[in-house]
Amino acid sequence: MGYHLRRQLREALGPNITGLQRAVALEIADDANEDTRRSWVTLEDLARWTGAKDAVVVRNALKRLAAVGWEFRVPIGQGKDGRILYAVPGVRMTFTVPPFEGVATATPKGSHRYPKG
């Protein structure tokens, strides 16, 4: 579904997002709708697709991504203490590929990728 989005995201993530965090981000982008950027993939599927031990490990990877500015989780509500809730029993988690910019997917027509020598 979102393979174009995945390709753009793999460049936008840069070299600092590695390992399971990178795999989780890319799998969400791959599953996402190209137009809405929304994914309803389950944590269990993400664990299986990325080779993670379980859904808890995937949840932790999502928290680490959010901590460095890559928030994929869609807020579900707010707790009594004011915290944003991303998971609530009985409500399915959803994800959105966050906006990013500066990603070129192809060399513009007429430009040269390599300098002539």
N, C-alpha and C. Protein backbone atom coordinates (compact mmCIF):
# COMPACT_ATOMS: atom_id res chain seq x y z
N MET A 1 0.81 -1.19 0.00
CA MET A 1 0.00 0.00 0.00
C MET A 1 0.85 1.25 0.00
N GLY A 2 1.68 1.45 1.01
CA GLY A 2 2.41 2.70 1.15
C GLY A 2 3.87 2.60 0.76
N TYR A 3 4.17 1.85 -0.29
CA TYR A 3 5.59 1.66 -0.59
C TYR A 3 6.29 2.95 -1.01
N HIS A 4 5.58 3.89 -1.66
CA HIS A 4 6.21 5.18 -1.97
C HIS A 4 6.50 5.94 -0.68
N LEU A 5 5.54 5.93 0.22
CA LEU A 5 5.71 6.59 1.51
C LEU A 5 6.87 5.96 2.27
N ARG A 6 6.97 4.63 2.22
CA ARG A 6 8.07 3.93 2.89
C ARG A 6 9.42 4.37 2.33
N ARG A 7 9.51 4.47 1.02
CA ARG A 7 10.77 4.86 0.38
C ARG A 7 11.16 6.28 0.79
N GLN A 8 10.20 7.17 0.85
CA GLN A 8 10.49 8.54 1.27
C GLN A 8 10.92 8.57 2.73
N LEU A 9 10.23 7.80 3.57
CA LEU A 9 10.53 7.79 5.00
C LEU A 9 11.92 7.21 5.27
N ARG A 10 12.31 6.20 4.54
CA ARG A 10 13.62 5.60 4.80
C ARG A 10 14.74 6.61 4.61
N GLU A 11 14.56 7.56 3.70
CA GLU A 11 15.54 8.64 3.54
C GLU A 11 15.40 9.69 4.62
N ALA A 12 14.16 10.03 4.96
CA ALA A 12 13.90 11.09 5.93
C ALA A 12 14.34 10.71 7.34
N LEU A 13 14.30 9.44 7.69
CA LEU A 13 14.69 9.01 9.03
C LEU A 13 16.15 9.31 9.33
N GLY A 14 16.97 9.26 8.30
CA GLY A 14 18.39 9.55 8.49
C GLY A 14 19.13 8.43 9.20
N PRO A 15 20.40 8.63 9.45
CA PRO A 15 21.24 7.56 10.01
C PRO A 15 21.08 7.36 11.52
N ASN A 16 20.42 8.27 12.21
CA ASN A 16 20.31 8.13 13.66
C ASN A 16 19.19 7.20 14.12
N ILE A 17 18.24 6.91 13.25
CA ILE A 17 17.16 5.97 13.59
C ILE A 17 17.56 4.62 13.00
N THR A 18 17.88 3.69 13.88
CA THR A 18 18.39 2.40 13.44
C THR A 18 17.65 1.26 14.13
N GLY A 19 18.00 0.06 13.75
CA GLY A 19 17.50 -1.14 14.41
C GLY A 19 15.99 -1.28 14.39
N LEU A 20 15.45 -1.72 15.52
CA LEU A 20 14.02 -1.99 15.62
C LEU A 20 13.19 -0.73 15.42
N GLN A 21 13.67 0.41 15.90
CA GLN A 21 12.93 1.65 15.71
C GLN A 21 12.73 1.93 14.22
N ARG A 22 13.79 1.77 13.47
CA ARG A 22 13.73 2.00 12.02
C ARG A 22 12.79 1.00 11.36
N ALA A 23 12.91 -0.25 11.74
CA ALA A 23 12.06 -1.30 11.15
C ALA A 23 10.58 -1.04 11.44
N VAL A 24 10.27 -0.65 12.66
CA VAL A 24 8.88 -0.37 13.03
C VAL A 24 8.35 0.81 12.21
N ALA A 25 9.12 1.88 12.13
CA ALA A 25 8.70 3.06 11.36
C ALA A 25 8.44 2.70 9.90
N LEU A 26 9.35 1.94 9.31
CA LEU A 26 9.21 1.59 7.90
C LEU A 26 8.04 0.65 7.65
N GLU A 27 7.78 -0.27 8.57
CA GLU A 27 6.64 -1.18 8.40
C GLU A 27 5.32 -0.43 8.54
N ILE A 28 5.26 0.54 9.43
CA ILE A 28 4.04 1.35 9.55
C ILE A 28 3.82 2.11 8.24
N ALA A 29 4.89 2.71 7.70
CA ALA A 29 4.78 3.46 6.45
C ALA A 29 4.37 2.55 5.30
N ASP A 30 4.91 1.34 5.28
CA ASP A 30 4.59 0.40 4.22
C ASP A 30 3.12 -0.01 4.27
N ASP A 31 2.57 -0.13 5.48
CA ASP A 31 1.17 -0.53 5.65
C ASP A 31 0.20 0.64 5.46
N ALA A 32 0.70 1.86 5.59
CA ALA A 32 -0.16 3.05 5.58
C ALA A 32 -0.77 3.32 4.20
N ASN A 33 -1.93 3.94 4.23
CA ASN A 33 -2.57 4.44 3.03
C ASN A 33 -1.74 5.62 2.51
N GLU A 34 -1.44 5.63 1.23
CA GLU A 34 -0.60 6.69 0.65
C GLU A 34 -1.20 8.08 0.83
N ASP A 35 -2.52 8.19 0.74
CA ASP A 35 -3.17 9.50 0.81
C ASP A 35 -3.36 9.99 2.25
N THR A 36 -3.85 9.10 3.12
CA THR A 36 -4.14 9.52 4.50
C THR A 36 -2.96 9.35 5.43
N ARG A 37 -1.97 8.53 5.03
CA ARG A 37 -0.80 8.21 5.85
C ARG A 37 -1.18 7.43 7.10
N ARG A 38 -2.38 6.88 7.14
CA ARG A 38 -2.90 6.18 8.31
C ARG A 38 -2.71 4.68 8.17
N SER A 39 -2.35 4.04 9.28
CA SER A 39 -2.19 2.58 9.34
C SER A 39 -2.93 2.04 10.55
N TRP A 40 -3.57 0.90 10.36
CA TRP A 40 -4.26 0.22 11.44
C TRP A 40 -3.58 -1.10 11.76
N VAL A 41 -2.31 -1.21 11.45
CA VAL A 41 -1.57 -2.43 11.74
C VAL A 41 -1.57 -2.68 13.26
N THR A 42 -1.60 -3.94 13.65
CA THR A 42 -1.57 -4.26 15.08
C THR A 42 -0.13 -4.34 15.58
N LEU A 43 0.02 -4.17 16.87
CA LEU A 43 1.36 -4.30 17.47
C LEU A 43 1.89 -5.71 17.26
N GLU A 44 1.01 -6.69 17.31
CA GLU A 44 1.42 -8.09 17.10
C GLU A 44 1.95 -8.30 15.68
N ASP A 45 1.29 -7.69 14.70
CA ASP A 45 1.79 -7.78 13.32
C ASP A 45 3.13 -7.08 13.18
N LEU A 46 3.26 -5.91 13.79
CA LEU A 46 4.55 -5.21 13.74
C LEU A 46 5.66 -6.05 14.37
N ALA A 47 5.34 -6.71 15.47
CA ALA A 47 6.34 -7.58 16.11
C ALA A 47 6.76 -8.70 15.16
N ARG A 48 5.78 -9.31 14.51
CA ARG A 48 6.08 -10.41 13.59
C ARG A 48 6.86 -9.92 12.38
N TRP A 49 6.44 -8.79 11.79
CA TRP A 49 7.09 -8.28 10.58
C TRP A 49 8.50 -7.80 10.83
N THR A 50 8.78 -7.31 12.05
CA THR A 50 10.11 -6.76 12.35
C THR A 50 11.02 -7.76 13.05
N GLY A 51 10.47 -8.89 13.45
CA GLY A 51 11.27 -9.87 14.19
C GLY A 51 11.44 -9.51 15.65
N ALA A 52 10.61 -8.60 16.15
CA ALA A 52 10.69 -8.20 17.57
C ALA A 52 10.19 -9.34 18.45
N LYS A 53 10.64 -9.35 19.69
CA LYS A 53 10.27 -10.40 20.64
C LYS A 53 8.76 -10.45 20.86
N ASP A 54 8.14 -9.28 21.05
CA ASP A 54 6.70 -9.23 21.29
C ASP A 54 6.19 -7.79 21.13
N ALA A 55 4.89 -7.61 21.36
CA ALA A 55 4.26 -6.31 21.19
C ALA A 55 4.80 -5.27 22.18
N VAL A 56 5.22 -5.71 23.35
CA VAL A 56 5.77 -4.78 24.35
C VAL A 56 7.04 -4.13 23.82
N VAL A 57 7.88 -4.90 23.17
CA VAL A 57 9.12 -4.38 22.61
C VAL A 57 8.81 -3.38 21.50
N VAL A 58 7.80 -3.66 20.69
CA VAL A 58 7.38 -2.73 19.63
C VAL A 58 6.85 -1.44 20.25
N ARG A 59 6.05 -1.56 21.30
CA ARG A 59 5.51 -0.39 21.99
C ARG A 59 6.66 0.50 22.51
N ASN A 60 7.69 -0.13 23.05
CA ASN A 60 8.85 0.63 23.54
C ASN A 60 9.59 1.31 22.39
N ALA A 61 9.69 0.64 21.25
CA ALA A 61 10.34 1.26 20.09
C ALA A 61 9.55 2.48 19.63
N LEU A 62 8.23 2.40 19.68
CA LEU A 62 7.38 3.54 19.31
C LEU A 62 7.59 4.70 20.28
N LYS A 63 7.75 4.40 21.55
CA LYS A 63 8.01 5.46 22.55
C LYS A 63 9.36 6.11 22.30
N ARG A 64 10.36 5.32 21.95
CA ARG A 64 11.69 5.87 21.67
C ARG A 64 11.68 6.73 20.41
N LEU A 65 10.92 6.29 19.40
CA LEU A 65 10.77 7.11 18.19
C LEU A 65 10.13 8.46 18.53
N ALA A 66 9.08 8.41 19.34
CA ALA A 66 8.38 9.65 19.72
C ALA A 66 9.32 10.58 20.49
N ALA A 67 10.18 10.01 21.32
CA ALA A 67 11.09 10.81 22.14
C ALA A 67 12.08 11.62 21.29
N VAL A 68 12.36 11.15 20.07
CA VAL A 68 13.27 11.87 19.19
C VAL A 68 12.54 12.59 18.06
N GLY A 69 11.22 12.74 18.22
CA GLY A 69 10.46 13.55 17.28
C GLY A 69 9.69 12.82 16.19
N TRP A 70 9.69 11.51 16.22
CA TRP A 70 8.97 10.72 15.23
C TRP A 70 7.77 10.05 15.90
N GLU A 71 6.67 10.78 16.05
CA GLU A 71 5.47 10.25 16.71
C GLU A 71 4.55 9.64 15.67
N PHE A 72 4.44 8.33 15.71
CA PHE A 72 3.57 7.60 14.79
C PHE A 72 2.22 7.28 15.42
N ARG A 73 2.15 7.26 16.73
CA ARG A 73 0.92 6.87 17.42
C ARG A 73 -0.12 7.99 17.33
N VAL A 74 -1.37 7.61 17.10
CA VAL A 74 -2.46 8.58 17.07
C VAL A 74 -3.08 8.64 18.46
N PRO A 75 -3.18 9.82 19.06
CA PRO A 75 -3.78 9.93 20.40
C PRO A 75 -5.23 9.44 20.41
N ILE A 76 -5.56 8.72 21.46
CA ILE A 76 -6.92 8.19 21.62
C ILE A 76 -7.73 9.07 22.57
N GLY A 77 -7.05 9.66 23.52
CA GLY A 77 -7.74 10.50 24.49
C GLY A 77 -6.75 11.05 25.49
N GLN A 78 -7.29 11.47 26.64
CA GLN A 78 -6.46 12.05 27.68
C GLN A 78 -6.81 11.37 29.00
N GLY A 79 -5.78 11.04 29.78
CA GLY A 79 -5.99 10.41 31.07
C GLY A 79 -6.45 11.42 32.11
N LYS A 80 -6.87 10.93 33.27
CA LYS A 80 -7.32 11.80 34.35
C LYS A 80 -6.22 12.75 34.81
N ASP A 81 -4.97 12.31 34.64
CA ASP A 81 -3.84 13.14 35.04
C ASP A 81 -3.37 14.09 33.94
N GLY A 82 -4.08 14.09 32.80
CA GLY A 82 -3.74 15.00 31.71
C GLY A 82 -2.81 14.43 30.65
N ARG A 83 -2.29 13.23 30.89
CA ARG A 83 -1.39 12.61 29.91
C ARG A 83 -2.16 12.21 28.65
N ILE A 84 -1.51 12.30 27.51
CA ILE A 84 -2.09 11.84 26.26
C ILE A 84 -2.06 10.31 26.25
N LEU A 85 -3.18 9.70 25.88
CA LEU A 85 -3.27 8.24 25.82
C LEU A 85 -3.21 7.78 24.37
N TYR A 86 -2.36 6.80 24.14
CA TYR A 86 -2.23 6.22 22.81
C TYR A 86 -2.79 4.81 22.77
N ALA A 87 -3.00 4.23 23.93
CA ALA A 87 -3.55 2.88 24.02
C ALA A 87 -4.55 2.84 25.16
N VAL A 88 -5.71 2.26 24.87
CA VAL A 88 -6.78 2.11 25.85
C VAL A 88 -7.35 0.72 25.66
N PRO A 89 -7.56 -0.03 26.74
CA PRO A 89 -8.14 -1.36 26.57
C PRO A 89 -9.45 -1.31 25.78
N GLY A 90 -9.55 -2.19 24.80
CA GLY A 90 -10.75 -2.26 23.98
C GLY A 90 -10.78 -1.30 22.80
N VAL A 91 -9.74 -0.46 22.66
CA VAL A 91 -9.67 0.48 21.53
C VAL A 91 -8.39 0.18 20.75
N ARG A 92 -8.54 -0.03 19.48
CA ARG A 92 -7.40 -0.38 18.64
C ARG A 92 -6.48 0.82 18.44
N MET A 93 -5.19 0.60 18.59
CA MET A 93 -4.19 1.63 18.32
C MET A 93 -4.15 1.89 16.83
N THR A 94 -3.96 3.15 16.46
CA THR A 94 -3.76 3.49 15.06
C THR A 94 -2.50 4.34 14.95
N PHE A 95 -2.01 4.43 13.74
CA PHE A 95 -0.75 5.13 13.50
C PHE A 95 -0.90 6.05 12.30
N THR A 96 -0.14 7.13 12.31
CA THR A 96 -0.04 8.03 11.17
C THR A 96 1.44 8.31 10.93
N VAL A 97 1.85 8.22 9.69
CA VAL A 97 3.22 8.57 9.37
C VAL A 97 3.32 10.09 9.49
N PRO A 98 4.21 10.56 10.38
CA PRO A 98 4.30 12.01 10.59
C PRO A 98 4.82 12.73 9.35
N PRO A 99 4.51 14.01 9.24
CA PRO A 99 5.01 14.77 8.08
C PRO A 99 6.53 14.91 8.15
N PHE A 100 7.12 14.91 7.00
CA PHE A 100 8.56 15.16 6.89
C PHE A 100 8.78 15.87 5.57
N GLU A 101 9.90 16.56 5.45
CA GLU A 101 10.16 17.30 4.22
C GLU A 101 11.60 17.10 3.78
N GLY A 102 11.87 17.58 2.60
CA GLY A 102 13.23 17.53 2.09
C GLY A 102 13.63 16.18 1.53
N VAL A 103 12.66 15.39 1.11
CA VAL A 103 12.98 14.07 0.57
C VAL A 103 12.77 14.08 -0.93
N ALA A 104 13.83 13.83 -1.66
CA ALA A 104 13.73 13.73 -3.12
C ALA A 104 13.66 12.27 -3.49
N THR A 105 12.68 11.91 -4.30
CA THR A 105 12.55 10.52 -4.70
C THR A 105 13.14 10.25 -6.07
N ALA A 106 13.46 11.30 -6.82
CA ALA A 106 14.07 11.12 -8.14
C ALA A 106 14.86 12.37 -8.48
N THR A 107 15.80 12.21 -9.37
CA THR A 107 16.57 13.36 -9.84
C THR A 107 15.71 14.13 -10.83
N PRO A 108 15.54 15.44 -10.67
CA PRO A 108 14.73 16.22 -11.59
C PRO A 108 15.24 16.11 -13.02
N LYS A 109 14.31 16.12 -13.96
CA LYS A 109 14.66 16.00 -15.38
C LYS A 109 15.63 17.12 -15.78
N GLY A 110 16.69 16.74 -16.46
CA GLY A 110 17.65 17.72 -16.93
C GLY A 110 18.80 17.98 -15.96
N SER A 111 18.68 17.49 -14.73
CA SER A 111 19.79 17.69 -13.80
C SER A 111 20.73 16.50 -13.88
N HIS A 112 21.94 16.69 -13.43
CA HIS A 112 22.92 15.62 -13.47
C HIS A 112 23.18 15.13 -12.06
N ARG A 113 23.12 13.82 -11.89
CA ARG A 113 23.34 13.25 -10.57
C ARG A 113 24.82 13.30 -10.20
N TYR A 114 25.68 13.07 -11.18
CA TYR A 114 27.12 13.07 -10.92
C TYR A 114 27.77 14.19 -11.72
N PRO A 115 28.73 14.87 -11.12
CA PRO A 115 29.40 15.92 -11.89
C PRO A 115 30.18 15.33 -13.05
N LYS A 116 30.16 16.06 -14.14
CA LYS A 116 30.94 15.61 -15.32
C LYS A 116 32.41 15.86 -15.04
N GLY A 117 33.23 14.93 -15.46
CA GLY A 117 34.63 15.07 -15.14
C GLY A 117 35.47 15.01 -16.27
